[in-house]
Amino acid sequence: MRIDTGEEGRAQLQALLQENLKLSKAILRSVEKTRRHIFLSQIANWLRLFLILIPIVLAAIYVPPLIKKFRESPAELFGNIFSRNGESTPLTPERIQELQQLLQQER
């Protein structure tokens, strides 16, 4: 496309520059919106990652002691469920046999 250098050519060149400027501004607005969207998406991804990792880390810290307690004495973890006359007694093999005998007698 050939543009004259006369007055008409300058007016045409001016119109093309104005149109180019409008299009460039529209593209800039679109790019800014896209950047903002990408930035917020990155923040949301980090938040999701922390929402997944924090419970895993807390479980890794607090669950092993609970498992250790449970292995040592299940009655200690659940409290002494079986008690005699309101007294708290530990759950020993002898006590388990007593409870089994009581259950068999009730049948």
PDB file of N, CA and C in Angstrom:
ATOM      1  N   MET A   1       0.855  -1.171   0.000  1.00  0.00           N
ATOM      2  CA  MET A   1       0.000   0.000   0.000  1.00  0.00           C
ATOM      3  C   MET A   1       0.898   1.231   0.000  1.00  0.00           C
ATOM      4  N   ARG A   2       0.605   2.096  -0.895  1.00  0.00           N
ATOM      5  CA  ARG A   2       1.417   3.302  -1.045  1.00  0.00           C
ATOM      6  C   ARG A   2       0.643   4.499  -0.529  1.00  0.00           C
ATOM      7  N   ILE A   3       1.297   5.287   0.288  1.00  0.00           N
ATOM      8  CA  ILE A   3       0.656   6.483   0.844  1.00  0.00           C
ATOM      9  C   ILE A   3       1.392   7.692   0.281  1.00  0.00           C
ATOM     10  N   ASP A   4       0.601   8.697  -0.242  1.00  0.00           N
ATOM     11  CA  ASP A   4       1.268   9.909  -0.747  1.00  0.00           C
ATOM     12  C   ASP A   4       1.803  10.710   0.410  1.00  0.00           C
ATOM     13  N   THR A   5       2.650  11.569   0.037  1.00  0.00           N
ATOM     14  CA  THR A   5       3.258  12.430   1.032  1.00  0.00           C
ATOM     15  C   THR A   5       2.518  13.751   1.124  1.00  0.00           C
ATOM     16  N   GLY A   6       1.462  13.869   0.384  1.00  0.00           N
ATOM     17  CA  GLY A   6       0.704  15.124   0.392  1.00  0.00           C
ATOM     18  C   GLY A   6      -0.191  15.212   1.624  1.00  0.00           C
ATOM     19  N   GLU A   7      -1.049  16.208   1.589  1.00  0.00           N
ATOM     20  CA  GLU A   7      -1.962  16.473   2.705  1.00  0.00           C
ATOM     21  C   GLU A   7      -2.911  15.295   2.925  1.00  0.00           C
ATOM     22  N   GLU A   8      -3.391  14.741   1.847  1.00  0.00           N
ATOM     23  CA  GLU A   8      -4.304  13.590   1.959  1.00  0.00           C
ATOM     24  C   GLU A   8      -3.580  12.385   2.550  1.00  0.00           C
ATOM     25  N   GLY A   9      -2.353  12.159   2.186  1.00  0.00           N
ATOM     26  CA  GLY A   9      -1.552  11.050   2.711  1.00  0.00           C
ATOM     27  C   GLY A   9      -1.280  11.225   4.199  1.00  0.00           C
ATOM     28  N   ARG A  10      -1.009  12.466   4.587  1.00  0.00           N
ATOM     29  CA  ARG A  10      -0.769  12.720   6.016  1.00  0.00           C
ATOM     30  C   ARG A  10      -2.027  12.465   6.843  1.00  0.00           C
ATOM     31  N   ALA A  11      -3.167  12.850   6.329  1.00  0.00           N
ATOM     32  CA  ALA A  11      -4.438  12.632   7.031  1.00  0.00           C
ATOM     33  C   ALA A  11      -4.703  11.130   7.146  1.00  0.00           C
ATOM     34  N   GLN A  12      -4.402  10.402   6.073  1.00  0.00           N
ATOM     35  CA  GLN A  12      -4.597   8.956   6.092  1.00  0.00           C
ATOM     36  C   GLN A  12      -3.632   8.291   7.096  1.00  0.00           C
ATOM     37  N   LEU A  13      -2.404   8.753   7.113  1.00  0.00           N
ATOM     38  CA  LEU A  13      -1.409   8.247   8.042  1.00  0.00           C
ATOM     39  C   LEU A  13      -1.824   8.556   9.498  1.00  0.00           C
ATOM     40  N   GLN A  14      -2.336   9.758   9.715  1.00  0.00           N
ATOM     41  CA  GLN A  14      -2.814  10.147  11.047  1.00  0.00           C
ATOM     42  C   GLN A  14      -3.970   9.244  11.493  1.00  0.00           C
ATOM     43  N   ALA A  15      -4.882   8.935  10.587  1.00  0.00           N
ATOM     44  CA  ALA A  15      -6.030   8.077  10.919  1.00  0.00           C
ATOM     45  C   ALA A  15      -5.548   6.664  11.252  1.00  0.00           C
ATOM     46  N   LEU A  16      -4.582   6.164  10.493  1.00  0.00           N
ATOM     47  CA  LEU A  16      -4.039   4.836  10.756  1.00  0.00           C
ATOM     48  C   LEU A  16      -3.323   4.786  12.112  1.00  0.00           C
ATOM     49  N   LEU A  17      -2.602   5.843  12.428  1.00  0.00           N
ATOM     50  CA  LEU A  17      -1.923   5.900  13.724  1.00  0.00           C
ATOM     51  C   LEU A  17      -2.930   5.941  14.882  1.00  0.00           C
ATOM     52  N   GLN A  18      -4.006   6.696  14.718  1.00  0.00           N
ATOM     53  CA  GLN A  18      -5.050   6.763  15.753  1.00  0.00           C
ATOM     54  C   GLN A  18      -5.700   5.390  15.958  1.00  0.00           C
ATOM     55  N   GLU A  19      -5.984   4.705  14.849  1.00  0.00           N
ATOM     56  CA  GLU A  19      -6.591   3.372  14.929  1.00  0.00           C
ATOM     57  C   GLU A  19      -5.622   2.388  15.611  1.00  0.00           C
ATOM     58  N   ASN A  20      -4.350   2.493  15.237  1.00  0.00           N
ATOM     59  CA  ASN A  20      -3.331   1.638  15.834  1.00  0.00           C
ATOM     60  C   ASN A  20      -3.233   1.896  17.337  1.00  0.00           C
ATOM     61  N   LEU A  21      -3.310   3.158  17.738  1.00  0.00           N
ATOM     62  CA  LEU A  21      -3.248   3.507  19.153  1.00  0.00           C
ATOM     63  C   LEU A  21      -4.441   2.927  19.914  1.00  0.00           C
ATOM     64  N   LYS A  22      -5.642   3.008  19.350  1.00  0.00           N
ATOM     65  CA  LYS A  22      -6.830   2.442  20.000  1.00  0.00           C
ATOM     66  C   LYS A  22      -6.696   0.934  20.162  1.00  0.00           C
ATOM     67  N   LEU A  23      -6.237   0.273  19.103  1.00  0.00           N
ATOM     68  CA  LEU A  23      -6.066  -1.178  19.167  1.00  0.00           C
ATOM     69  C   LEU A  23      -4.992  -1.564  20.187  1.00  0.00           C
ATOM     70  N   SER A  24      -3.926  -0.812  20.244  1.00  0.00           N
ATOM     71  CA  SER A  24      -2.854  -1.090  21.207  1.00  0.00           C
ATOM     72  C   SER A  24      -3.350  -0.939  22.645  1.00  0.00           C
ATOM     73  N   LYS A  25      -4.165   0.077  22.903  1.00  0.00           N
ATOM     74  CA  LYS A  25      -4.727   0.266  24.238  1.00  0.00           C
ATOM     75  C   LYS A  25      -5.663  -0.878  24.613  1.00  0.00           C
ATOM     76  N   ALA A  26      -6.451  -1.347  23.650  1.00  0.00           N
ATOM     77  CA  ALA A  26      -7.356  -2.470  23.902  1.00  0.00           C
ATOM     78  C   ALA A  26      -6.554  -3.730  24.212  1.00  0.00           C
ATOM     79  N   ILE A  27      -5.490  -3.943  23.461  1.00  0.00           N
ATOM     80  CA  ILE A  27      -4.634  -5.113  23.701  1.00  0.00           C
ATOM     81  C   ILE A  27      -3.982  -5.005  25.076  1.00  0.00           C
ATOM     82  N   LEU A  28      -3.537  -3.819  25.461  1.00  0.00           N
ATOM     83  CA  LEU A  28      -2.911  -3.620  26.763  1.00  0.00           C
ATOM     84  C   LEU A  28      -3.892  -3.940  27.894  1.00  0.00           C
ATOM     85  N   ARG A  29      -5.141  -3.493  27.770  1.00  0.00           N
ATOM     86  CA  ARG A  29      -6.158  -3.805  28.790  1.00  0.00           C
ATOM     87  C   ARG A  29      -6.368  -5.315  28.897  1.00  0.00           C
ATOM     88  N   SER A  30      -6.418  -5.966  27.746  1.00  0.00           N
ATOM     89  CA  SER A  30      -6.613  -7.413  27.728  1.00  0.00           C
ATOM     90  C   SER A  30      -5.422  -8.138  28.375  1.00  0.00           C
ATOM     91  N   VAL A  31      -4.214  -7.683  28.085  1.00  0.00           N
ATOM     92  CA  VAL A  31      -3.020  -8.297  28.660  1.00  0.00           C
ATOM     93  C   VAL A  31      -2.980  -8.076  30.165  1.00  0.00           C
ATOM     94  N   GLU A  32      -3.371  -6.895  30.634  1.00  0.00           N
ATOM     95  CA  GLU A  32      -3.385  -6.630  32.072  1.00  0.00           C
ATOM     96  C   GLU A  32      -4.393  -7.533  32.791  1.00  0.00           C
ATOM     97  N   LYS A  33      -5.559  -7.734  32.189  1.00  0.00           N
ATOM     98  CA  LYS A  33      -6.547  -8.640  32.784  1.00  0.00           C
ATOM     99  C   LYS A  33      -6.012 -10.060  32.842  1.00  0.00           C
ATOM    100  N   THR A  34      -5.339 -10.478  31.775  1.00  0.00           N
ATOM    101  CA  THR A  34      -4.771 -11.827  31.730  1.00  0.00           C
ATOM    102  C   THR A  34      -3.688 -11.985  32.783  1.00  0.00           C
ATOM    103  N   ARG A  35      -2.821 -11.000  32.930  1.00  0.00           N
ATOM    104  CA  ARG A  35      -1.777 -11.056  33.956  1.00  0.00           C
ATOM    105  C   ARG A  35      -2.376 -11.162  35.346  1.00  0.00           C
ATOM    106  N   ARG A  36      -3.395 -10.363  35.616  1.00  0.00           N
ATOM    107  CA  ARG A  36      -4.055 -10.379  36.918  1.00  0.00           C
ATOM    108  C   ARG A  36      -4.671 -11.757  37.175  1.00  0.00           C
ATOM    109  N   HIS A  37      -5.320 -12.309  36.159  1.00  0.00           N
ATOM    110  CA  HIS A  37      -5.933 -13.627  36.298  1.00  0.00           C
ATOM    111  C   HIS A  37      -4.872 -14.694  36.579  1.00  0.00           C
ATOM    112  N   ILE A  38      -3.760 -14.653  35.868  1.00  0.00           N
ATOM    113  CA  ILE A  38      -2.676 -15.618  36.080  1.00  0.00           C
ATOM    114  C   ILE A  38      -2.102 -15.463  37.487  1.00  0.00           C
ATOM    115  N   PHE A  39      -1.901 -14.232  37.931  1.00  0.00           N
ATOM    116  CA  PHE A  39      -1.365 -13.977  39.274  1.00  0.00           C
ATOM    117  C   PHE A  39      -2.293 -14.530  40.352  1.00  0.00           C
ATOM    118  N   LEU A  40      -3.602 -14.269  40.228  1.00  0.00           N
ATOM    119  CA  LEU A  40      -4.557 -14.774  41.210  1.00  0.00           C
ATOM    120  C   LEU A  40      -4.643 -16.299  41.167  1.00  0.00           C
ATOM    121  N   SER A  41      -4.492 -16.875  39.983  1.00  0.00           N
ATOM    122  CA  SER A  41      -4.486 -18.334  39.866  1.00  0.00           C
ATOM    123  C   SER A  41      -3.279 -18.931  40.580  1.00  0.00           C
ATOM    124  N   GLN A  42      -2.134 -18.272  40.462  1.00  0.00           N
ATOM    125  CA  GLN A  42      -0.939 -18.751  41.150  1.00  0.00           C
ATOM    126  C   GLN A  42      -1.115 -18.684  42.661  1.00  0.00           C
ATOM    127  N   ILE A  43      -1.703 -17.612  43.151  1.00  0.00           N
ATOM    128  CA  ILE A  43      -1.962 -17.492  44.592  1.00  0.00           C
ATOM    129  C   ILE A  43      -2.926 -18.592  45.037  1.00  0.00           C
ATOM    130  N   ALA A  44      -3.977 -18.827  44.263  1.00  0.00           N
ATOM    131  CA  ALA A  44      -4.943 -19.878  44.604  1.00  0.00           C
ATOM    132  C   ALA A  44      -4.273 -21.246  44.608  1.00  0.00           C
ATOM    133  N   ASN A  45      -3.378 -21.496  43.686  1.00  0.00           N
ATOM    134  CA  ASN A  45      -2.665 -22.780  43.664  1.00  0.00           C
ATOM    135  C   ASN A  45      -1.800 -22.954  44.900  1.00  0.00           C
ATOM    136  N   TRP A  46      -1.120 -21.896  45.332  1.00  0.00           N
ATOM    137  CA  TRP A  46      -0.307 -21.978  46.552  1.00  0.00           C
ATOM    138  C   TRP A  46      -1.191 -22.242  47.770  1.00  0.00           C
ATOM    139  N   LEU A  47      -2.353 -21.567  47.823  1.00  0.00           N
ATOM    140  CA  LEU A  47      -3.268 -21.788  48.947  1.00  0.00           C
ATOM    141  C   LEU A  47      -3.759 -23.230  48.967  1.00  0.00           C
ATOM    142  N   ARG A  48      -4.106 -23.776  47.793  1.00  0.00           N
ATOM    143  CA  ARG A  48      -4.533 -25.173  47.727  1.00  0.00           C
ATOM    144  C   ARG A  48      -3.421 -26.102  48.198  1.00  0.00           C
ATOM    145  N   LEU A  49      -2.209 -25.804  47.782  1.00  0.00           N
ATOM    146  CA  LEU A  49      -1.066 -26.628  48.182  1.00  0.00           C
ATOM    147  C   LEU A  49      -0.907 -26.618  49.701  1.00  0.00           C
ATOM    148  N   PHE A  50      -1.009 -25.433  50.315  1.00  0.00           N
ATOM    149  CA  PHE A  50      -0.885 -25.346  51.764  1.00  0.00           C
ATOM    150  C   PHE A  50      -2.050 -26.034  52.471  1.00  0.00           C
ATOM    151  N   LEU A  51      -3.251 -25.943  51.892  1.00  0.00           N
ATOM    152  CA  LEU A  51      -4.396 -26.611  52.502  1.00  0.00           C
ATOM    153  C   LEU A  51      -4.246 -28.131  52.468  1.00  0.00           C
ATOM    154  N   ILE A  52      -3.467 -28.636  51.538  1.00  0.00           N
ATOM    155  CA  ILE A  52      -3.207 -30.069  51.480  1.00  0.00           C
ATOM    156  C   ILE A  52      -2.024 -30.435  52.368  1.00  0.00           C
ATOM    157  N   LEU A  53      -0.968 -29.642  52.328  1.00  0.00           N
ATOM    158  CA  LEU A  53       0.255 -29.992  53.049  1.00  0.00           C
ATOM    159  C   LEU A  53       0.151 -29.806  54.563  1.00  0.00           C
ATOM    160  N   ILE A  54      -0.542 -28.779  55.017  1.00  0.00           N
ATOM    161  CA  ILE A  54      -0.617 -28.504  56.457  1.00  0.00           C
ATOM    162  C   ILE A  54      -1.239 -29.678  57.225  1.00  0.00           C
ATOM    163  N   PRO A  55      -2.382 -30.235  56.791  1.00  0.00           N
ATOM    164  CA  PRO A  55      -2.910 -31.394  57.520  1.00  0.00           C
ATOM    165  C   PRO A  55      -1.976 -32.609  57.477  1.00  0.00           C
ATOM    166  N   ILE A  56      -1.283 -32.800  56.361  1.00  0.00           N
ATOM    167  CA  ILE A  56      -0.352 -33.930  56.267  1.00  0.00           C
ATOM    168  C   ILE A  56       0.791 -33.751  57.256  1.00  0.00           C
ATOM    169  N   VAL A  57       1.335 -32.540  57.336  1.00  0.00           N
ATOM    170  CA  VAL A  57       2.435 -32.279  58.269  1.00  0.00           C
ATOM    171  C   VAL A  57       1.963 -32.433  59.716  1.00  0.00           C
ATOM    172  N   LEU A  58       0.797 -31.892  60.015  1.00  0.00           N
ATOM    173  CA  LEU A  58       0.269 -32.021  61.379  1.00  0.00           C
ATOM    174  C   LEU A  58       0.014 -33.488  61.733  1.00  0.00           C
ATOM    175  N   ALA A  59      -0.486 -34.249  60.778  1.00  0.00           N
ATOM    176  CA  ALA A  59      -0.707 -35.679  61.025  1.00  0.00           C
ATOM    177  C   ALA A  59       0.621 -36.381  61.267  1.00  0.00           C
ATOM    178  N   ALA A  60       1.640 -36.018  60.511  1.00  0.00           N
ATOM    179  CA  ALA A  60       2.951 -36.648  60.683  1.00  0.00           C
ATOM    180  C   ALA A  60       3.530 -36.319  62.056  1.00  0.00           C
ATOM    181  N   ILE A  61       3.171 -35.178  62.608  1.00  0.00           N
ATOM    182  CA  ILE A  61       3.686 -34.784  63.920  1.00  0.00           C
ATOM    183  C   ILE A  61       2.890 -35.438  65.053  1.00  0.00           C
ATOM    184  N   TYR A  62       1.553 -35.432  64.953  1.00  0.00           N
ATOM    185  CA  TYR A  62       0.726 -35.845  66.080  1.00  0.00           C
ATOM    186  C   TYR A  62       0.284 -37.304  66.063  1.00  0.00           C
ATOM    187  N   VAL A  63       0.208 -37.943  64.919  1.00  0.00           N
ATOM    188  CA  VAL A  63      -0.298 -39.314  64.867  1.00  0.00           C
ATOM    189  C   VAL A  63       0.686 -40.343  65.428  1.00  0.00           C
ATOM    190  N   PRO A  64       1.991 -40.274  65.140  1.00  0.00           N
ATOM    191  CA  PRO A  64       2.893 -41.295  65.691  1.00  0.00           C
ATOM    192  C   PRO A  64       2.851 -41.433  67.218  1.00  0.00           C
ATOM    193  N   PRO A  65       2.810 -40.332  67.996  1.00  0.00           N
ATOM    194  CA  PRO A  65       2.680 -40.521  69.447  1.00  0.00           C
ATOM    195  C   PRO A  65       1.372 -41.219  69.839  1.00  0.00           C
ATOM    196  N   LEU A  66       0.290 -40.928  69.105  1.00  0.00           N
ATOM    197  CA  LEU A  66      -0.983 -41.591  69.403  1.00  0.00           C
ATOM    198  C   LEU A  66      -0.899 -43.085  69.110  1.00  0.00           C
ATOM    199  N   ILE A  67      -0.264 -43.424  68.005  1.00  0.00           N
ATOM    200  CA  ILE A  67      -0.100 -44.836  67.657  1.00  0.00           C
ATOM    201  C   ILE A  67       0.761 -45.536  68.710  1.00  0.00           C
ATOM    202  N   LYS A  68       1.810 -44.851  69.152  1.00  0.00           N
ATOM    203  CA  LYS A  68       2.689 -45.431  70.175  1.00  0.00           C
ATOM    204  C   LYS A  68       1.898 -45.673  71.465  1.00  0.00           C
ATOM    205  N   LYS A  69       1.080 -44.713  71.867  1.00  0.00           N
ATOM    206  CA  LYS A  69       0.251 -44.875  73.069  1.00  0.00           C
ATOM    207  C   LYS A  69      -0.697 -46.056  72.895  1.00  0.00           C
ATOM    208  N   PHE A  70      -1.292 -46.169  71.725  1.00  0.00           N
ATOM    209  CA  PHE A  70      -2.254 -47.230  71.484  1.00  0.00           C
ATOM    210  C   PHE A  70      -1.578 -48.598  71.531  1.00  0.00           C
ATOM    211  N   ARG A  71      -0.382 -48.677  71.010  1.00  0.00           N
ATOM    212  CA  ARG A  71       0.339 -49.949  71.041  1.00  0.00           C
ATOM    213  C   ARG A  71       0.733 -50.333  72.467  1.00  0.00           C
ATOM    214  N   GLU A  72       1.078 -49.336  73.270  1.00  0.00           N
ATOM    215  CA  GLU A  72       1.473 -49.621  74.646  1.00  0.00           C
ATOM    216  C   GLU A  72       0.288 -50.156  75.451  1.00  0.00           C
ATOM    217  N   SER A  73      -0.790 -49.449  75.391  1.00  0.00           N
ATOM    218  CA  SER A  73      -1.957 -49.866  76.155  1.00  0.00           C
ATOM    219  C   SER A  73      -3.206 -49.245  75.545  1.00  0.00           C
ATOM    220  N   PRO A  74      -4.023 -50.065  74.871  1.00  0.00           N
ATOM    221  CA  PRO A  74      -5.247 -49.521  74.276  1.00  0.00           C
ATOM    222  C   PRO A  74      -6.166 -48.898  75.316  1.00  0.00           C
ATOM    223  N   ALA A  75      -6.162 -49.441  76.526  1.00  0.00           N
ATOM    224  CA  ALA A  75      -7.031 -48.900  77.574  1.00  0.00           C
ATOM    225  C   ALA A  75      -6.621 -47.483  77.939  1.00  0.00           C
ATOM    226  N   GLU A  76      -5.340 -47.202  77.853  1.00  0.00           N
ATOM    227  CA  GLU A  76      -4.853 -45.865  78.190  1.00  0.00           C
ATOM    228  C   GLU A  76      -5.358 -44.835  77.187  1.00  0.00           C
ATOM    229  N   LEU A  77      -5.438 -45.251  75.926  1.00  0.00           N
ATOM    230  CA  LEU A  77      -5.903 -44.327  74.897  1.00  0.00           C
ATOM    231  C   LEU A  77      -7.398 -44.043  75.046  1.00  0.00           C
ATOM    232  N   PHE A  78      -8.175 -45.083  75.257  1.00  0.00           N
ATOM    233  CA  PHE A  78      -9.626 -44.916  75.340  1.00  0.00           C
ATOM    234  C   PHE A  78     -10.097 -44.602  76.745  1.00  0.00           C
ATOM    235  N   GLY A  79      -9.182 -44.584  77.682  1.00  0.00           N
ATOM    236  CA  GLY A  79      -9.574 -44.431  79.072  1.00  0.00           C
ATOM    237  C   GLY A  79      -9.932 -45.820  79.582  1.00  0.00           C
ATOM    238  N   ASN A  80     -10.042 -45.964  80.844  1.00  0.00           N
ATOM    239  CA  ASN A  80     -10.402 -47.276  81.389  1.00  0.00           C
ATOM    240  C   ASN A  80     -11.905 -47.428  81.268  1.00  0.00           C
ATOM    241  N   ILE A  81     -12.309 -48.066  80.210  1.00  0.00           N
ATOM    242  CA  ILE A  81     -13.732 -48.206  79.917  1.00  0.00           C
ATOM    243  C   ILE A  81     -14.386 -49.122  80.939  1.00  0.00           C
ATOM    244  N   PHE A  82     -13.687 -50.207  81.237  1.00  0.00           N
ATOM    245  CA  PHE A  82     -14.237 -51.181  82.169  1.00  0.00           C
ATOM    246  C   PHE A  82     -13.748 -50.842  83.581  1.00  0.00           C
ATOM    247  N   SER A  83     -14.661 -50.610  84.438  1.00  0.00           N
ATOM    248  CA  SER A  83     -14.252 -50.280  85.805  1.00  0.00           C
ATOM    249  C   SER A  83     -15.081 -51.088  86.793  1.00  0.00           C
ATOM    250  N   ARG A  84     -14.526 -51.304  87.952  1.00  0.00           N
ATOM    251  CA  ARG A  84     -15.209 -52.036  89.015  1.00  0.00           C
ATOM    252  C   ARG A  84     -15.717 -51.050  90.050  1.00  0.00           C
ATOM    253  N   ASN A  85     -16.995 -51.024  90.260  1.00  0.00           N
ATOM    254  CA  ASN A  85     -17.603 -50.179  91.308  1.00  0.00           C
ATOM    255  C   ASN A  85     -17.147 -48.720  91.194  1.00  0.00           C
ATOM    256  N   GLY A  86     -17.066 -48.233  89.999  1.00  0.00           N
ATOM    257  CA  GLY A  86     -16.669 -46.846  89.800  1.00  0.00           C
ATOM    258  C   GLY A  86     -15.185 -46.616  89.898  1.00  0.00           C
ATOM    259  N   GLU A  87     -14.437 -47.657  90.274  1.00  0.00           N
ATOM    260  CA  GLU A  87     -12.992 -47.509  90.353  1.00  0.00           C
ATOM    261  C   GLU A  87     -12.393 -47.800  88.983  1.00  0.00           C
ATOM    262  N   SER A  88     -11.401 -47.089  88.664  1.00  0.00           N
ATOM    263  CA  SER A  88     -10.743 -47.283  87.384  1.00  0.00           C
ATOM    264  C   SER A  88      -9.687 -48.366  87.517  1.00  0.00           C
ATOM    265  N   THR A  89      -9.795 -49.407  86.691  1.00  0.00           N
ATOM    266  CA  THR A  89      -8.801 -50.479  86.729  1.00  0.00           C
ATOM    267  C   THR A  89      -8.201 -50.647  85.346  1.00  0.00           C
ATOM    268  N   PRO A  90      -6.920 -50.914  85.284  1.00  0.00           N
ATOM    269  CA  PRO A  90      -6.320 -51.107  83.967  1.00  0.00           C
ATOM    270  C   PRO A  90      -6.810 -52.404  83.328  1.00  0.00           C
ATOM    271  N   LEU A  91      -6.784 -52.445  82.038  1.00  0.00           N
ATOM    272  CA  LEU A  91      -7.246 -53.610  81.292  1.00  0.00           C
ATOM    273  C   LEU A  91      -6.088 -54.597  81.178  1.00  0.00           C
ATOM    274  N   THR A  92      -6.096 -55.590  82.024  1.00  0.00           N
ATOM    275  CA  THR A  92      -5.040 -56.604  82.040  1.00  0.00           C
ATOM    276  C   THR A  92      -5.613 -57.906  81.486  1.00  0.00           C
ATOM    277  N   PRO A  93      -4.752 -58.868  81.156  1.00  0.00           N
ATOM    278  CA  PRO A  93      -5.277 -60.156  80.660  1.00  0.00           C
ATOM    279  C   PRO A  93      -6.211 -60.840  81.658  1.00  0.00           C
ATOM    280  N   GLU A  94      -5.922 -60.714  82.948  1.00  0.00           N
ATOM    281  CA  GLU A  94      -6.790 -61.307  83.957  1.00  0.00           C
ATOM    282  C   GLU A  94      -8.173 -60.651  83.934  1.00  0.00           C
ATOM    283  N   ARG A  95      -8.152 -59.331  83.823  1.00  0.00           N
ATOM    284  CA  ARG A  95      -9.422 -58.583  83.786  1.00  0.00           C
ATOM    285  C   ARG A  95     -10.219 -58.949  82.536  1.00  0.00           C
ATOM    286  N   ILE A  96      -9.542 -59.170  81.418  1.00  0.00           N
ATOM    287  CA  ILE A  96     -10.225 -59.561  80.182  1.00  0.00           C
ATOM    288  C   ILE A  96     -10.912 -60.916  80.380  1.00  0.00           C
ATOM    289  N   GLN A  97     -10.225 -61.845  81.032  1.00  0.00           N
ATOM    290  CA  GLN A  97     -10.824 -63.161  81.303  1.00  0.00           C
ATOM    291  C   GLN A  97     -12.051 -63.026  82.202  1.00  0.00           C
ATOM    292  N   GLU A  98     -11.946 -62.176  83.217  1.00  0.00           N
ATOM    293  CA  GLU A  98     -13.101 -61.944  84.093  1.00  0.00           C
ATOM    294  C   GLU A  98     -14.292 -61.417  83.304  1.00  0.00           C
ATOM    295  N   LEU A  99     -14.033 -60.463  82.421  1.00  0.00           N
ATOM    296  CA  LEU A  99     -15.120 -59.879  81.628  1.00  0.00           C
ATOM    297  C   LEU A  99     -15.712 -60.913  80.678  1.00  0.00           C
ATOM    298  N   GLN A 100     -14.888 -61.772  80.101  1.00  0.00           N
ATOM    299  CA  GLN A 100     -15.397 -62.817  79.229  1.00  0.00           C
ATOM    300  C   GLN A 100     -16.278 -63.785  80.013  1.00  0.00           C
ATOM    301  N   GLN A 101     -15.866 -64.123  81.224  1.00  0.00           N
ATOM    302  CA  GLN A 101     -16.675 -65.021  82.061  1.00  0.00           C
ATOM    303  C   GLN A 101     -18.012 -64.371  82.403  1.00  0.00           C
ATOM    304  N   LEU A 102     -17.991 -63.081  82.686  1.00  0.00           N
ATOM    305  CA  LEU A 102     -19.242 -62.371  82.977  1.00  0.00           C
ATOM    306  C   LEU A 102     -20.164 -62.379  81.764  1.00  0.00           C
ATOM    307  N   LEU A 103     -19.614 -62.213  80.606  1.00  0.00           N
ATOM    308  CA  LEU A 103     -20.438 -62.227  79.389  1.00  0.00           C
ATOM    309  C   LEU A 103     -21.018 -63.614  79.137  1.00  0.00           C
ATOM    310  N   GLN A 104     -20.247 -64.647  79.390  1.00  0.00           N
ATOM    311  CA  GLN A 104     -20.742 -66.005  79.176  1.00  0.00           C
ATOM    312  C   GLN A 104     -21.813 -66.368  80.199  1.00  0.00           C
ATOM    313  N   GLN A 105     -21.705 -65.867  81.402  1.00  0.00           N
ATOM    314  CA  GLN A 105     -22.710 -66.155  82.440  1.00  0.00           C
ATOM    315  C   GLN A 105     -24.049 -65.525  82.104  1.00  0.00           C
ATOM    316  N   GLU A 106     -24.018 -64.358  81.472  1.00  0.00           N
ATOM    317  CA  GLU A 106     -25.263 -63.647  81.158  1.00  0.00           C
ATOM    318  C   GLU A 106     -26.035 -64.335  80.052  1.00  0.00           C
ATOM    319  N   ARG A 107     -25.384 -65.137  79.250  1.00  0.00           N
ATOM    320  CA  ARG A 107     -26.086 -65.839  78.155  1.00  0.00           C
ATOM    321  C   ARG A 107     -26.863 -66.941  78.746  1.00  0.00           C
TER     322      ARG A 107
END
